[in-house]
Structure formats: C-alpha cells, structure tokens
Amino acid sequence: MLKLPKILNCRAAAEMSCRRRDGQLSHWDRATLAVHLIICAGCRLMDRQFALMDKAARQLAFLNAGTKTSENDALSPEARKRLKKLIR
C-alpha cells in the first residue's frame, strides 16, 4: 500500500526547512516538505528567504575569511536579544 506524506502545518514546515538546509532531513521528510511547499505560498516565500539568508551568510563568511573581528563589529547583547526574538 502506498503511504502518502502527511500534511504539515506551517510551523512544522518552517522547522523542517531549516533542518533540510542543515542536511538533517530524511528523504521521506523532504518529500513531505515538498508537498507542503507546493500548496502553501507563504511557506514557499519563507523557504526562499531562508535560502537568501544562507547565501548571504556564506558570502559574508567568505568575505571575512582571514580577517579578525574587532570588538566594534560584535553585536551588543540587546541587539542579540532582538534578533533572537525576531527569528522565533
């Protein structure tokens, strides 16, 4: 008997999208996420935004390779809190 992928809610799809980028999804979970992305325009947009952030982070890491980070480049604790709150 053919087992169909379960339908995800958007919160679960967002989590799976992040795990997929980290290489932590099984083939079955990838298929389940793909089904959700086909039917959910909001999650497709979110997935593209994650891809953009990943690309920007890789480019930034490449540009900063071999350079020291000064104390002035670091985020303040308040800025870190705000970013964590926005991401969740």
Protein backbone atom coordinates (compact mmCIF):
# COMPACT_ATOMS: atom_id res chain seq x y z
CA MET A 1 0.00 0.00 0.00
CA LEU A 2 1.28 3.48 -0.90
CA LYS A 3 1.89 5.71 2.09
CA LEU A 4 1.24 9.39 1.37
CA PRO A 5 3.22 12.17 3.05
CA LYS A 6 1.45 13.75 5.99
CA ILE A 7 0.23 17.32 5.63
CA LEU A 8 2.33 19.72 7.70
CA ASN A 9 1.28 22.88 9.42
CA CYS A 10 3.33 25.96 8.59
CA ARG A 11 5.30 25.93 11.85
CA ALA A 12 6.44 22.35 11.24
CA ALA A 13 7.27 23.20 7.62
CA ALA A 14 9.47 26.11 8.75
CA GLU A 15 11.33 23.84 11.16
CA MET A 16 11.78 21.17 8.50
CA SER A 17 13.02 23.78 6.03
CA CYS A 18 15.76 24.79 8.47
CA ARG A 19 16.68 21.18 9.17
CA ARG A 20 16.81 20.48 5.43
CA ARG A 21 19.37 23.25 5.00
CA ASP A 22 21.44 21.67 7.75
CA GLY A 23 21.23 18.31 5.98
CA GLN A 24 19.16 16.75 8.75
CA LEU A 25 16.08 15.55 6.82
CA SER A 26 15.33 12.07 5.59
CA HIS A 27 14.14 11.57 2.02
CA TRP A 28 10.61 10.99 3.32
CA ASP A 29 10.64 14.27 5.29
CA ARG A 30 11.96 16.09 2.22
CA ALA A 31 9.02 14.75 0.23
CA THR A 32 6.60 15.79 2.97
CA LEU A 33 8.06 19.31 2.98
CA ALA A 34 7.92 19.47 -0.82
CA VAL A 35 4.19 18.65 -0.75
CA HIS A 36 3.59 21.43 1.78
CA LEU A 37 5.61 23.93 -0.27
CA ILE A 38 3.53 23.09 -3.36
CA ILE A 39 0.30 24.04 -1.62
CA CYS A 40 1.45 26.88 0.67
CA ALA A 41 2.58 30.14 -0.94
CA GLY A 42 3.61 31.65 2.41
CA CYS A 43 5.96 28.80 3.19
CA ARG A 44 7.41 28.91 -0.33
CA LEU A 45 8.26 32.56 0.30
CA MET A 46 9.75 31.69 3.70
CA ASP A 47 11.82 28.92 2.12
CA ARG A 48 13.19 31.35 -0.47
CA GLN A 49 14.00 33.84 2.30
CA PHE A 50 15.90 31.13 4.19
CA ALA A 51 17.83 30.37 1.00
CA LEU A 52 18.71 34.06 0.63
CA MET A 53 19.89 34.28 4.25
CA ASP A 54 22.03 31.17 3.80
CA LYS A 55 23.58 32.59 0.65
CA ALA A 56 24.27 35.94 2.33
CA ALA A 57 25.85 34.22 5.35
CA ARG A 58 28.12 32.14 3.12
CA GLN A 59 29.17 35.23 1.17
CA LEU A 60 29.83 37.15 4.36
CA ALA A 61 31.87 34.28 5.76
CA PHE A 62 33.87 34.17 2.51
CA LEU A 63 34.49 37.93 2.57
CA ASN A 64 35.52 37.86 6.22
CA ALA A 65 37.75 34.81 5.87
CA GLY A 66 41.18 35.60 7.22
CA THR A 67 40.14 38.90 8.81
CA LYS A 68 39.94 39.50 12.53
CA THR A 69 36.68 40.67 14.00
CA SER A 70 37.09 43.71 16.18
CA GLU A 71 35.07 44.28 19.31
CA ASN A 72 33.21 47.07 17.47
CA ASP A 73 31.91 44.55 14.89
CA ALA A 74 30.22 42.39 17.53
CA LEU A 75 26.53 42.76 18.31
CA SER A 76 25.50 44.17 21.64
CA PRO A 77 23.61 41.86 23.99
CA GLU A 78 20.45 43.91 23.38
CA ALA A 79 20.77 43.52 19.62
CA ARG A 80 21.28 39.77 20.01
CA LYS A 81 18.08 39.55 22.10
CA ARG A 82 16.10 41.50 19.48
CA LEU A 83 17.37 39.26 16.67
CA LYS A 84 16.57 36.07 18.59
CA LYS A 85 13.07 37.37 19.28
CA LEU A 86 12.51 38.21 15.60
CA ILE A 87 13.76 34.83 14.42
CA ARG A 88 11.42 32.86 16.70
